[in-house]
Amino acid sequence: MALHTLSTYTPTAPTDVTSKLWTAEFPDGVTHNGVITWPTAANALYRGIVFIRGGFTGDDNPLTDTIFTDLENAVKWNASAQGDAATGYVITAMGIRGVNASTTSGAWTGGLAIPGTDEMGGDDLDDIALTYGLVQEWGLAAGTPLVHAAKMGLWSYSAGALRGCMLLRKGRIKPAAFAMRSPLVDAYGTWDDIGTTEQDKLTALIPGWSSASTTKFAKLTTSEQQALHDRSPARWASEMPDIPYLLVAAEDDDTALPAGTRRFAEELKRAGRDVTLIEVPSANHAFSGSDHNDISLAVTRKFFGQNLA
C-alpha cells in the first residue's frame, strides 16, 4: 500500500494543531483519501484514534458530518487534549467507497469522494482495516508522529459503528477502546426505524428486506438472513472483544433509534463487557442542536482519556 501525498490542510482551528490531507493507493488499485490531525507540540509517541464516518451527508465531502465538520471538532479537541493524561492524539478519518461518490462520479473535487459501492460491511471493511494499520506505519517517515500501537482507539458515527463492530467481531483490528455515536447497530428494525440512505443500501444487499413488517424477515432466503444478521451487532454482542465501549445515543434520533442502542448496550453488559451508555436529551441524529455536540465530544474525550492512558 503506497502513500501518495501528505498535503497541508488548514481548517479554521487553533494554530497549535497540525492537520493534513492524505492520499493512498490500496491493494485493489482504488485511491483513498483522508485527513489526519495531531497536536503540533513535539512528542515522541501519541495515542491514536481512527474515526469511521457515517453515510451520505448531502454533499461531496464525507467529513462534513456534524461530528467532524472540516475536522473542526477533532482539531479543537486535539488542542485541548494536550493537557490530558498522555500527550494528545493522532486522529485520522477517511472516506468510504461509494459514499457521496455518486455526485462526483468518484472524482476529486475538493471533497473526499471514493468510487465504488458502499456495501455497509463489504470491501469498506478492508479499507478501514488498512487505514487503521496505515496510521501506525506512517510515523516519522511520512511526516506524522508515531502512534503507540497499544493505545489505539476506534471512534464511529452512525453506520460507521456497524462497520467498526463487524471489524472487531472478525478480529481484523484490535483497538483498546471503542466509542460509538448515534450507532446503527440493529438492521432488524422496521422500515421506518432506519434512515432512507440505509434503507436503499440494505435493500440492494438484501432484496427481501424492504418490508415494513418485521414478521416478513422470516421469508428471507438463507443468504439474506445471514447478511441481515451480520449487519446487526445487537444480535451478536457476545462476539465482541472484551474492551471498554461507549455508546452515545440521541434521544430524538429518527435514523438510528435509541432503542436499538439500548438493546446493544444491554447485550454487551449481559456478555460481561465494560459498556457506558449516554443518552443526550432532545438531541437529533447529528447532535446539531444547541450544546448537544459539545456534550457528546466531552464524554467521548473523557472515555478515551481514561481508556487510552
C-alpha atoms as a PDB file:
ATOM      1  CA  MET A   1       0.000   0.000   0.000  1.00  0.00           C
ATOM      2  CA  ALA A   2       1.573   3.257  -1.130  1.00  0.00           C
ATOM      3  CA  LEU A   3       1.133   6.669   0.450  1.00  0.00           C
ATOM      4  CA  HIS A   4       0.922   9.109  -2.455  1.00  0.00           C
ATOM      5  CA  THR A   5       0.667  12.516  -0.851  1.00  0.00           C
ATOM      6  CA  LEU A   6       0.500  14.187   2.511  1.00  0.00           C
ATOM      7  CA  SER A   7      -0.539  17.799   1.949  1.00  0.00           C
ATOM      8  CA  THR A   8      -1.295  20.649   4.321  1.00  0.00           C
ATOM      9  CA  TYR A   9      -4.913  21.070   5.335  1.00  0.00           C
ATOM     10  CA  THR A  10      -5.836  24.200   7.276  1.00  0.00           C
ATOM     11  CA  PRO A  11      -9.346  24.357   8.725  1.00  0.00           C
ATOM     12  CA  THR A  12     -10.381  27.262  10.916  1.00  0.00           C
ATOM     13  CA  ALA A  13      -8.847  25.906  14.077  1.00  0.00           C
ATOM     14  CA  PRO A  14      -6.219  26.547  16.758  1.00  0.00           C
ATOM     15  CA  THR A  15      -2.702  27.041  15.462  1.00  0.00           C
ATOM     16  CA  ASP A  16      -1.285  24.513  17.909  1.00  0.00           C
ATOM     17  CA  VAL A  17      -2.687  21.644  15.853  1.00  0.00           C
ATOM     18  CA  THR A  18      -1.316  20.216  12.602  1.00  0.00           C
ATOM     19  CA  SER A  19      -3.791  18.854  10.027  1.00  0.00           C
ATOM     20  CA  LYS A  20      -3.006  17.217   6.684  1.00  0.00           C
ATOM     21  CA  LEU A  21      -4.851  15.532   3.858  1.00  0.00           C
ATOM     22  CA  TRP A  22      -3.553  12.113   2.854  1.00  0.00           C
ATOM     23  CA  THR A  23      -3.921  10.039  -0.285  1.00  0.00           C
ATOM     24  CA  ALA A  24      -3.023   6.356  -0.501  1.00  0.00           C
ATOM     25  CA  GLU A  25      -3.425   3.646  -3.120  1.00  0.00           C
ATOM     26  CA  PHE A  26      -4.844   0.476  -1.607  1.00  0.00           C
ATOM     27  CA  PRO A  27      -4.047  -3.049  -2.896  1.00  0.00           C
ATOM     28  CA  ASP A  28      -7.124  -3.222  -5.148  1.00  0.00           C
ATOM     29  CA  GLY A  29      -5.950  -0.121  -7.006  1.00  0.00           C
ATOM     30  CA  VAL A  30      -8.531   2.249  -5.540  1.00  0.00           C
ATOM     31  CA  THR A  31      -7.091   5.539  -4.318  1.00  0.00           C
ATOM     32  CA  HIS A  32      -8.364   6.544  -0.904  1.00  0.00           C
ATOM     33  CA  ASN A  33      -8.314   9.931   0.752  1.00  0.00           C
ATOM     34  CA  GLY A  34      -8.414  11.023   4.338  1.00  0.00           C
ATOM     35  CA  VAL A  35      -7.344  13.611   6.823  1.00  0.00           C
ATOM     36  CA  ILE A  36      -5.099  13.374   9.871  1.00  0.00           C
ATOM     37  CA  THR A  37      -4.581  15.762  12.773  1.00  0.00           C
ATOM     38  CA  TRP A  38      -2.335  15.924  15.832  1.00  0.00           C
ATOM     39  CA  PRO A  39      -1.100  18.467  18.402  1.00  0.00           C
ATOM     40  CA  THR A  40       1.791  20.466  16.953  1.00  0.00           C
ATOM     41  CA  ALA A  41       3.744  20.286  20.197  1.00  0.00           C
ATOM     42  CA  ALA A  42       6.524  17.755  19.684  1.00  0.00           C
ATOM     43  CA  ASN A  43       6.047  14.453  21.471  1.00  0.00           C
ATOM     44  CA  ALA A  44       7.760  11.154  20.774  1.00  0.00           C
ATOM     45  CA  LEU A  45       4.654   8.974  20.960  1.00  0.00           C
ATOM     46  CA  TYR A  46       0.947   9.738  20.723  1.00  0.00           C
ATOM     47  CA  ARG A  47      -2.295   7.919  21.333  1.00  0.00           C
ATOM     48  CA  GLY A  48      -4.182   7.201  18.121  1.00  0.00           C
ATOM     49  CA  ILE A  49      -7.839   7.344  17.114  1.00  0.00           C
ATOM     50  CA  VAL A  50      -9.331   6.183  13.830  1.00  0.00           C
ATOM     51  CA  PHE A  51     -12.698   7.773  13.053  1.00  0.00           C
ATOM     52  CA  ILE A  52     -15.241   5.850  10.922  1.00  0.00           C
ATOM     53  CA  ARG A  53     -17.766   8.175   9.366  1.00  0.00           C
ATOM     54  CA  GLY A  54     -21.444   7.522   8.689  1.00  0.00           C
ATOM     55  CA  GLY A  55     -23.385   7.503   5.451  1.00  0.00           C
ATOM     56  CA  PHE A  56     -24.431  10.124   2.929  1.00  0.00           C
ATOM     57  CA  THR A  57     -24.110  13.740   4.085  1.00  0.00           C
ATOM     58  CA  GLY A  58     -25.713  15.577   1.194  1.00  0.00           C
ATOM     59  CA  ASP A  59     -22.541  16.945  -0.377  1.00  0.00           C
ATOM     60  CA  ASP A  60     -19.224  15.807  -1.798  1.00  0.00           C
ATOM     61  CA  ASN A  61     -17.192  15.780   1.402  1.00  0.00           C
ATOM     62  CA  PRO A  62     -17.705  12.798   3.719  1.00  0.00           C
ATOM     63  CA  LEU A  63     -16.036  14.649   6.568  1.00  0.00           C
ATOM     64  CA  THR A  64     -18.773  17.251   6.835  1.00  0.00           C
ATOM     65  CA  ASP A  65     -20.896  15.228   9.222  1.00  0.00           C
ATOM     66  CA  THR A  66     -21.689  17.437  12.186  1.00  0.00           C
ATOM     67  CA  ILE A  67     -19.383  15.311  14.306  1.00  0.00           C
ATOM     68  CA  PHE A  68     -16.408  16.044  12.058  1.00  0.00           C
ATOM     69  CA  THR A  69     -17.159  19.309  10.254  1.00  0.00           C
ATOM     70  CA  ASP A  70     -13.959  20.070   8.350  1.00  0.00           C
ATOM     71  CA  LEU A  71     -12.243  18.336  11.243  1.00  0.00           C
ATOM     72  CA  GLU A  72     -13.231  21.342  13.392  1.00  0.00           C
ATOM     73  CA  ASN A  73     -14.302  19.281  16.353  1.00  0.00           C
ATOM     74  CA  ALA A  74     -11.392  16.859  16.349  1.00  0.00           C
ATOM     75  CA  VAL A  75      -8.864  19.617  15.760  1.00  0.00           C
ATOM     76  CA  LYS A  76     -10.184  21.729  18.626  1.00  0.00           C
ATOM     77  CA  TRP A  77     -10.405  18.598  20.731  1.00  0.00           C
ATOM     78  CA  ASN A  78      -6.774  17.816  19.982  1.00  0.00           C
ATOM     79  CA  ALA A  79      -5.727  21.312  21.004  1.00  0.00           C
ATOM     80  CA  SER A  80      -7.416  20.964  24.384  1.00  0.00           C
ATOM     81  CA  ALA A  81      -6.426  17.317  24.733  1.00  0.00           C
ATOM     82  CA  GLN A  82      -2.779  18.225  25.144  1.00  0.00           C
ATOM     83  CA  GLY A  83      -3.478  18.523  28.844  1.00  0.00           C
ATOM     84  CA  ASP A  84      -4.958  15.043  29.042  1.00  0.00           C
ATOM     85  CA  ALA A  85      -3.326  12.113  30.808  1.00  0.00           C
ATOM     86  CA  ALA A  86      -0.914  11.410  27.962  1.00  0.00           C
ATOM     87  CA  THR A  87       0.209  13.593  25.063  1.00  0.00           C
ATOM     88  CA  GLY A  88      -2.866  14.226  22.945  1.00  0.00           C
ATOM     89  CA  TYR A  89      -3.996  12.192  19.965  1.00  0.00           C
ATOM     90  CA  VAL A  90      -3.255  11.470  16.356  1.00  0.00           C
ATOM     91  CA  ILE A  91      -6.760  11.362  14.841  1.00  0.00           C
ATOM     92  CA  THR A  92      -7.430  10.208  11.297  1.00  0.00           C
ATOM     93  CA  ALA A  93     -10.578   9.884   9.225  1.00  0.00           C
ATOM     94  CA  MET A  94     -11.127   8.545   5.743  1.00  0.00           C
ATOM     95  CA  GLY A  95     -13.770   8.467   3.053  1.00  0.00           C
ATOM     96  CA  ILE A  96     -15.846   5.335   2.485  1.00  0.00           C
ATOM     97  CA  ARG A  97     -16.038   3.868  -1.025  1.00  0.00           C
ATOM     98  CA  GLY A  98     -19.351   4.612  -2.680  1.00  0.00           C
ATOM     99  CA  VAL A  99     -20.423   7.189  -0.103  1.00  0.00           C
ATOM    100  CA  ASN A 100     -21.083  10.554  -1.802  1.00  0.00           C
ATOM    101  CA  ALA A 101     -19.182   9.365  -4.865  1.00  0.00           C
ATOM    102  CA  SER A 102     -22.354   9.432  -6.978  1.00  0.00           C
ATOM    103  CA  THR A 103     -22.415  13.214  -7.008  1.00  0.00           C
ATOM    104  CA  THR A 104     -18.930  13.448  -8.492  1.00  0.00           C
ATOM    105  CA  SER A 105     -18.537  10.072 -10.219  1.00  0.00           C
ATOM    106  CA  GLY A 106     -15.718   9.423  -7.800  1.00  0.00           C
ATOM    107  CA  ALA A 107     -13.757  12.431  -8.993  1.00  0.00           C
ATOM    108  CA  TRP A 108     -11.645  14.540  -6.695  1.00  0.00           C
ATOM    109  CA  THR A 109     -13.467  17.864  -6.433  1.00  0.00           C
ATOM    110  CA  GLY A 110     -12.097  19.170  -3.179  1.00  0.00           C
ATOM    111  CA  GLY A 111     -14.076  16.593  -1.267  1.00  0.00           C
ATOM    112  CA  LEU A 112     -13.059  13.041  -0.454  1.00  0.00           C
ATOM    113  CA  ALA A 113     -15.449  11.017  -2.613  1.00  0.00           C
ATOM    114  CA  ILE A 114     -14.210   7.500  -3.427  1.00  0.00           C
ATOM    115  CA  PRO A 115     -15.622   5.414  -6.304  1.00  0.00           C
ATOM    116  CA  GLY A 116     -17.308   2.097  -5.710  1.00  0.00           C
ATOM    117  CA  THR A 117     -20.335   0.792  -3.833  1.00  0.00           C
ATOM    118  CA  ASP A 118     -20.981   1.184  -0.128  1.00  0.00           C
ATOM    119  CA  GLU A 119     -21.826  -2.342   0.994  1.00  0.00           C
ATOM    120  CA  MET A 120     -22.182  -1.464   4.685  1.00  0.00           C
ATOM    121  CA  GLY A 121     -19.775  -4.199   5.612  1.00  0.00           C
ATOM    122  CA  GLY A 122     -18.119  -5.397   2.397  1.00  0.00           C
ATOM    123  CA  ASP A 123     -14.929  -4.047   0.826  1.00  0.00           C
ATOM    124  CA  ASP A 124     -15.267  -0.972   3.042  1.00  0.00           C
ATOM    125  CA  LEU A 125     -14.142  -3.128   5.971  1.00  0.00           C
ATOM    126  CA  ASP A 126     -10.860  -3.826   4.176  1.00  0.00           C
ATOM    127  CA  ASP A 127     -10.413  -0.083   3.626  1.00  0.00           C
ATOM    128  CA  ILE A 128     -10.892   0.731   7.300  1.00  0.00           C
ATOM    129  CA  ALA A 129      -8.607  -2.084   8.467  1.00  0.00           C
ATOM    130  CA  LEU A 130      -5.863  -0.890   6.109  1.00  0.00           C
ATOM    131  CA  THR A 131      -6.258   2.703   7.284  1.00  0.00           C
ATOM    132  CA  TYR A 132      -6.050   1.542  10.897  1.00  0.00           C
ATOM    133  CA  GLY A 133      -2.723  -0.122  10.158  1.00  0.00           C
ATOM    134  CA  LEU A 134      -1.564   2.760   7.994  1.00  0.00           C
ATOM    135  CA  VAL A 135      -1.735   5.184  10.916  1.00  0.00           C
ATOM    136  CA  GLN A 136       0.704   3.051  12.861  1.00  0.00           C
ATOM    137  CA  GLU A 137       3.042   2.544   9.903  1.00  0.00           C
ATOM    138  CA  TRP A 138       3.384   6.113   8.648  1.00  0.00           C
ATOM    139  CA  GLY A 139       5.209   7.516  11.634  1.00  0.00           C
ATOM    140  CA  LEU A 140       8.056   9.915  11.116  1.00  0.00           C
ATOM    141  CA  ALA A 141       8.761   8.673   7.584  1.00  0.00           C
ATOM    142  CA  ALA A 142       5.565  10.341   6.364  1.00  0.00           C
ATOM    143  CA  GLY A 143       5.973  13.441   8.468  1.00  0.00           C
ATOM    144  CA  THR A 144       3.436  12.381  11.073  1.00  0.00           C
ATOM    145  CA  PRO A 145       4.193  11.451  14.682  1.00  0.00           C
ATOM    146  CA  LEU A 146       4.479   7.896  15.899  1.00  0.00           C
ATOM    147  CA  VAL A 147       1.396   6.241  17.399  1.00  0.00           C
ATOM    148  CA  HIS A 148       1.509   3.849  20.342  1.00  0.00           C
ATOM    149  CA  ALA A 149       0.104   0.554  18.993  1.00  0.00           C
ATOM    150  CA  ALA A 150      -1.357  -0.400  22.377  1.00  0.00           C
ATOM    151  CA  LYS A 151      -3.137   2.943  22.733  1.00  0.00           C
ATOM    152  CA  MET A 152      -5.286   2.986  19.605  1.00  0.00           C
ATOM    153  CA  GLY A 153      -8.978   3.790  19.858  1.00  0.00           C
ATOM    154  CA  LEU A 154     -11.875   3.493  17.429  1.00  0.00           C
ATOM    155  CA  TRP A 155     -14.473   6.272  17.133  1.00  0.00           C
ATOM    156  CA  SER A 156     -17.544   5.988  14.933  1.00  0.00           C
ATOM    157  CA  TYR A 157     -20.714   7.724  13.834  1.00  0.00           C
ATOM    158  CA  SER A 158     -24.000   6.179  12.627  1.00  0.00           C
ATOM    159  CA  ALA A 159     -23.340   3.408  10.065  1.00  0.00           C
ATOM    160  CA  GLY A 160     -19.651   3.720  10.956  1.00  0.00           C
ATOM    161  CA  ALA A 161     -20.484   1.924  14.217  1.00  0.00           C
ATOM    162  CA  LEU A 162     -21.823  -1.022  12.225  1.00  0.00           C
ATOM    163  CA  ARG A 163     -18.610  -1.183  10.208  1.00  0.00           C
ATOM    164  CA  GLY A 164     -16.477  -0.951  13.353  1.00  0.00           C
ATOM    165  CA  CYS A 165     -18.401  -3.715  15.102  1.00  0.00           C
ATOM    166  CA  MET A 166     -18.103  -6.015  12.094  1.00  0.00           C
ATOM    167  CA  LEU A 167     -14.329  -5.465  12.036  1.00  0.00           C
ATOM    168  CA  LEU A 168     -13.961  -6.173  15.748  1.00  0.00           C
ATOM    169  CA  ARG A 169     -16.127  -9.270  15.518  1.00  0.00           C
ATOM    170  CA  LYS A 170     -13.770 -10.652  12.861  1.00  0.00           C
ATOM    171  CA  GLY A 171     -10.658  -9.667  14.805  1.00  0.00           C
ATOM    172  CA  ARG A 172      -9.482  -7.512  11.895  1.00  0.00           C
ATOM    173  CA  ILE A 173      -8.405  -4.671  14.183  1.00  0.00           C
ATOM    174  CA  LYS A 174      -7.734  -4.608  17.910  1.00  0.00           C
ATOM    175  CA  PRO A 175      -8.376  -1.183  19.448  1.00  0.00           C
ATOM    176  CA  ALA A 176      -8.055  -0.611  23.177  1.00  0.00           C
ATOM    177  CA  ALA A 177     -11.452   1.129  23.332  1.00  0.00           C
ATOM    178  CA  PHE A 178     -14.417   1.824  21.028  1.00  0.00           C
ATOM    179  CA  ALA A 179     -16.704   4.890  21.160  1.00  0.00           C
ATOM    180  CA  MET A 180     -19.894   4.998  19.059  1.00  0.00           C
ATOM    181  CA  ARG A 181     -22.167   7.962  18.432  1.00  0.00           C
ATOM    182  CA  SER A 182     -25.736   7.577  17.077  1.00  0.00           C
ATOM    183  CA  PRO A 183     -24.820   3.956  16.276  1.00  0.00           C
ATOM    184  CA  LEU A 184     -26.725   1.938  13.684  1.00  0.00           C
ATOM    185  CA  VAL A 185     -26.495  -1.489  15.316  1.00  0.00           C
ATOM    186  CA  ASP A 186     -29.691  -3.401  14.524  1.00  0.00           C
ATOM    187  CA  ALA A 187     -30.828  -3.851  10.910  1.00  0.00           C
ATOM    188  CA  TYR A 188     -33.821  -5.903  12.092  1.00  0.00           C
ATOM    189  CA  GLY A 189     -35.721  -2.681  12.779  1.00  0.00           C
ATOM    190  CA  THR A 190     -38.759  -1.893  10.656  1.00  0.00           C
ATOM    191  CA  TRP A 191     -38.521   0.237   7.526  1.00  0.00           C
ATOM    192  CA  ASP A 192     -39.343   3.448   9.378  1.00  0.00           C
ATOM    193  CA  ASP A 193     -36.677   2.787  12.014  1.00  0.00           C
ATOM    194  CA  ILE A 194     -33.751   3.306   9.644  1.00  0.00           C
ATOM    195  CA  GLY A 195     -32.748   6.318   7.542  1.00  0.00           C
ATOM    196  CA  THR A 196     -33.587   6.371   3.818  1.00  0.00           C
ATOM    197  CA  THR A 197     -29.952   6.050   2.730  1.00  0.00           C
ATOM    198  CA  GLU A 198     -29.503   2.882   4.765  1.00  0.00           C
ATOM    199  CA  GLN A 199     -32.879   1.617   3.503  1.00  0.00           C
ATOM    200  CA  ASP A 200     -31.607   1.814  -0.070  1.00  0.00           C
ATOM    201  CA  LYS A 201     -28.306   0.141   0.771  1.00  0.00           C
ATOM    202  CA  LEU A 202     -29.906  -2.684   2.768  1.00  0.00           C
ATOM    203  CA  THR A 203     -32.449  -3.302   0.012  1.00  0.00           C
ATOM    204  CA  ALA A 204     -29.622  -3.599  -2.521  1.00  0.00           C
ATOM    205  CA  LEU A 205     -27.781  -6.060  -0.285  1.00  0.00           C
ATOM    206  CA  ILE A 206     -30.894  -7.878   0.949  1.00  0.00           C
ATOM    207  CA  PRO A 207     -33.693  -7.560  -1.647  1.00  0.00           C
ATOM    208  CA  GLY A 208     -36.287  -9.129   0.633  1.00  0.00           C
ATOM    209  CA  TRP A 209     -35.563  -6.668   3.414  1.00  0.00           C
ATOM    210  CA  SER A 210     -37.711  -3.827   2.044  1.00  0.00           C
ATOM    211  CA  SER A 211     -40.745  -4.760   4.082  1.00  0.00           C
ATOM    212  CA  ALA A 212     -42.332  -2.561   6.708  1.00  0.00           C
ATOM    213  CA  SER A 213     -43.175  -5.618   8.785  1.00  0.00           C
ATOM    214  CA  THR A 214     -40.525  -7.451  10.792  1.00  0.00           C
ATOM    215  CA  THR A 215     -42.610 -10.637  10.550  1.00  0.00           C
ATOM    216  CA  LYS A 216     -41.619 -10.895   6.889  1.00  0.00           C
ATOM    217  CA  PHE A 217     -37.955 -11.288   7.809  1.00  0.00           C
ATOM    218  CA  ALA A 218     -38.729 -14.985   8.131  1.00  0.00           C
ATOM    219  CA  LYS A 219     -39.335 -15.062   4.372  1.00  0.00           C
ATOM    220  CA  LEU A 220     -35.781 -14.016   3.555  1.00  0.00           C
ATOM    221  CA  THR A 221     -33.514 -16.508   1.837  1.00  0.00           C
ATOM    222  CA  THR A 222     -30.758 -18.128   3.877  1.00  0.00           C
ATOM    223  CA  SER A 223     -28.118 -15.807   2.404  1.00  0.00           C
ATOM    224  CA  GLU A 224     -30.314 -12.758   3.054  1.00  0.00           C
ATOM    225  CA  GLN A 225     -30.882 -13.860   6.640  1.00  0.00           C
ATOM    226  CA  GLN A 226     -27.135 -14.134   7.112  1.00  0.00           C
ATOM    227  CA  ALA A 227     -26.496 -10.717   5.554  1.00  0.00           C
ATOM    228  CA  LEU A 228     -29.109  -9.171   7.856  1.00  0.00           C
ATOM    229  CA  HIS A 229     -27.680 -10.899  10.910  1.00  0.00           C
ATOM    230  CA  ASP A 230     -24.137  -9.822  10.037  1.00  0.00           C
ATOM    231  CA  ARG A 231     -25.300  -6.188   9.964  1.00  0.00           C
ATOM    232  CA  SER A 232     -26.977  -6.323  13.362  1.00  0.00           C
ATOM    233  CA  PRO A 233     -24.328  -6.146  16.129  1.00  0.00           C
ATOM    234  CA  ALA A 234     -27.057  -6.097  18.782  1.00  0.00           C
ATOM    235  CA  ARG A 235     -27.678  -9.736  17.841  1.00  0.00           C
ATOM    236  CA  TRP A 236     -24.097 -10.895  18.405  1.00  0.00           C
ATOM    237  CA  ALA A 237     -22.797  -8.624  21.173  1.00  0.00           C
ATOM    238  CA  SER A 238     -21.271 -11.641  22.930  1.00  0.00           C
ATOM    239  CA  GLU A 239     -18.849 -11.982  19.991  1.00  0.00           C
ATOM    240  CA  MET A 240     -17.425  -8.500  20.535  1.00  0.00           C
ATOM    241  CA  PRO A 241     -13.950  -8.343  22.121  1.00  0.00           C
ATOM    242  CA  ASP A 242     -13.573  -7.606  25.806  1.00  0.00           C
ATOM    243  CA  ILE A 243     -12.676  -3.891  25.669  1.00  0.00           C
ATOM    244  CA  PRO A 244     -14.420  -0.764  27.016  1.00  0.00           C
ATOM    245  CA  TYR A 245     -17.323   0.589  24.925  1.00  0.00           C
ATOM    246  CA  LEU A 246     -19.020   3.981  24.921  1.00  0.00           C
ATOM    247  CA  LEU A 247     -22.446   4.328  23.277  1.00  0.00           C
ATOM    248  CA  VAL A 248     -23.746   7.896  22.883  1.00  0.00           C
ATOM    249  CA  ALA A 249     -27.394   7.926  21.798  1.00  0.00           C
ATOM    250  CA  ALA A 250     -29.572  10.860  20.771  1.00  0.00           C
ATOM    251  CA  GLU A 251     -32.984  10.867  22.433  1.00  0.00           C
ATOM    252  CA  ASP A 252     -34.746  12.184  19.305  1.00  0.00           C
ATOM    253  CA  ASP A 253     -32.749  10.168  16.760  1.00  0.00           C
ATOM    254  CA  ASP A 254     -35.056   9.061  13.938  1.00  0.00           C
ATOM    255  CA  THR A 255     -32.308   7.422  11.867  1.00  0.00           C
ATOM    256  CA  ALA A 256     -30.664   5.091  14.387  1.00  0.00           C
ATOM    257  CA  LEU A 257     -33.305   4.722  17.068  1.00  0.00           C
ATOM    258  CA  PRO A 258     -32.014   4.887  20.672  1.00  0.00           C
ATOM    259  CA  ALA A 259     -33.990   1.708  21.417  1.00  0.00           C
ATOM    260  CA  GLY A 260     -31.514  -0.223  19.274  1.00  0.00           C
ATOM    261  CA  THR A 261     -28.584   1.379  21.089  1.00  0.00           C
ATOM    262  CA  ARG A 262     -30.101   0.459  24.460  1.00  0.00           C
ATOM    263  CA  ARG A 263     -30.616  -3.112  23.268  1.00  0.00           C
ATOM    264  CA  PHE A 264     -26.991  -3.314  22.153  1.00  0.00           C
ATOM    265  CA  ALA A 265     -25.780  -1.918  25.493  1.00  0.00           C
ATOM    266  CA  GLU A 266     -27.873  -4.468  27.384  1.00  0.00           C
ATOM    267  CA  GLU A 267     -26.484  -7.330  25.315  1.00  0.00           C
ATOM    268  CA  LEU A 268     -22.904  -6.120  25.799  1.00  0.00           C
ATOM    269  CA  LYS A 269     -23.462  -5.966  29.559  1.00  0.00           C
ATOM    270  CA  ARG A 270     -25.029  -9.429  29.512  1.00  0.00           C
ATOM    271  CA  ALA A 271     -21.859 -10.649  27.815  1.00  0.00           C
ATOM    272  CA  GLY A 272     -19.757  -9.154  30.605  1.00  0.00           C
ATOM    273  CA  ARG A 273     -18.390  -6.239  28.591  1.00  0.00           C
ATOM    274  CA  ASP A 274     -17.478  -2.861  30.101  1.00  0.00           C
ATOM    275  CA  VAL A 275     -20.054  -0.544  28.481  1.00  0.00           C
ATOM    276  CA  THR A 276     -21.183   3.011  29.172  1.00  0.00           C
ATOM    277  CA  LEU A 277     -24.450   4.252  27.670  1.00  0.00           C
ATOM    278  CA  ILE A 278     -25.099   8.003  27.487  1.00  0.00           C
ATOM    279  CA  GLU A 279     -28.406   9.349  26.155  1.00  0.00           C
ATOM    280  CA  VAL A 280     -28.460  13.047  25.320  1.00  0.00           C
ATOM    281  CA  PRO A 281     -31.928  14.593  25.845  1.00  0.00           C
ATOM    282  CA  SER A 282     -33.563  16.307  22.840  1.00  0.00           C
ATOM    283  CA  ALA A 283     -30.575  15.579  20.578  1.00  0.00           C
ATOM    284  CA  ASN A 284     -31.095  14.538  16.951  1.00  0.00           C
ATOM    285  CA  HIS A 285     -29.088  12.022  14.932  1.00  0.00           C
ATOM    286  CA  ALA A 286     -26.418  14.597  14.033  1.00  0.00           C
ATOM    287  CA  PHE A 287     -26.293  16.185  17.505  1.00  0.00           C
ATOM    288  CA  SER A 288     -26.663  19.534  15.730  1.00  0.00           C
ATOM    289  CA  GLY A 289     -28.739  21.366  18.291  1.00  0.00           C
ATOM    290  CA  SER A 290     -27.549  23.776  20.976  1.00  0.00           C
ATOM    291  CA  ASP A 291     -24.824  22.198  23.127  1.00  0.00           C
ATOM    292  CA  HIS A 292     -25.557  18.587  22.134  1.00  0.00           C
ATOM    293  CA  ASN A 293     -22.367  18.231  20.117  1.00  0.00           C
ATOM    294  CA  ASP A 294     -20.254  19.633  22.950  1.00  0.00           C
ATOM    295  CA  ILE A 295     -21.784  17.122  25.368  1.00  0.00           C
ATOM    296  CA  SER A 296     -21.063  14.224  23.038  1.00  0.00           C
ATOM    297  CA  LEU A 297     -17.474  15.303  22.436  1.00  0.00           C
ATOM    298  CA  ALA A 298     -16.860  15.868  26.152  1.00  0.00           C
ATOM    299  CA  VAL A 299     -17.968  12.372  27.196  1.00  0.00           C
ATOM    300  CA  THR A 300     -16.042  10.838  24.302  1.00  0.00           C
ATOM    301  CA  ARG A 301     -12.838  12.647  25.188  1.00  0.00           C
ATOM    302  CA  LYS A 302     -13.206  11.602  28.805  1.00  0.00           C
ATOM    303  CA  PHE A 303     -13.758   7.990  27.692  1.00  0.00           C
ATOM    304  CA  PHE A 304     -10.620   7.908  25.567  1.00  0.00           C
ATOM    305  CA  GLY A 305      -8.640   9.818  28.188  1.00  0.00           C
ATOM    306  CA  GLN A 306      -9.426   7.077  30.700  1.00  0.00           C
ATOM    307  CA  ASN A 307      -9.048   4.072  28.425  1.00  0.00           C
ATOM    308  CA  LEU A 308      -6.075   5.056  26.247  1.00  0.00           C
ATOM    309  CA  ALA A 309      -3.963   6.488  29.052  1.00  0.00           C
END
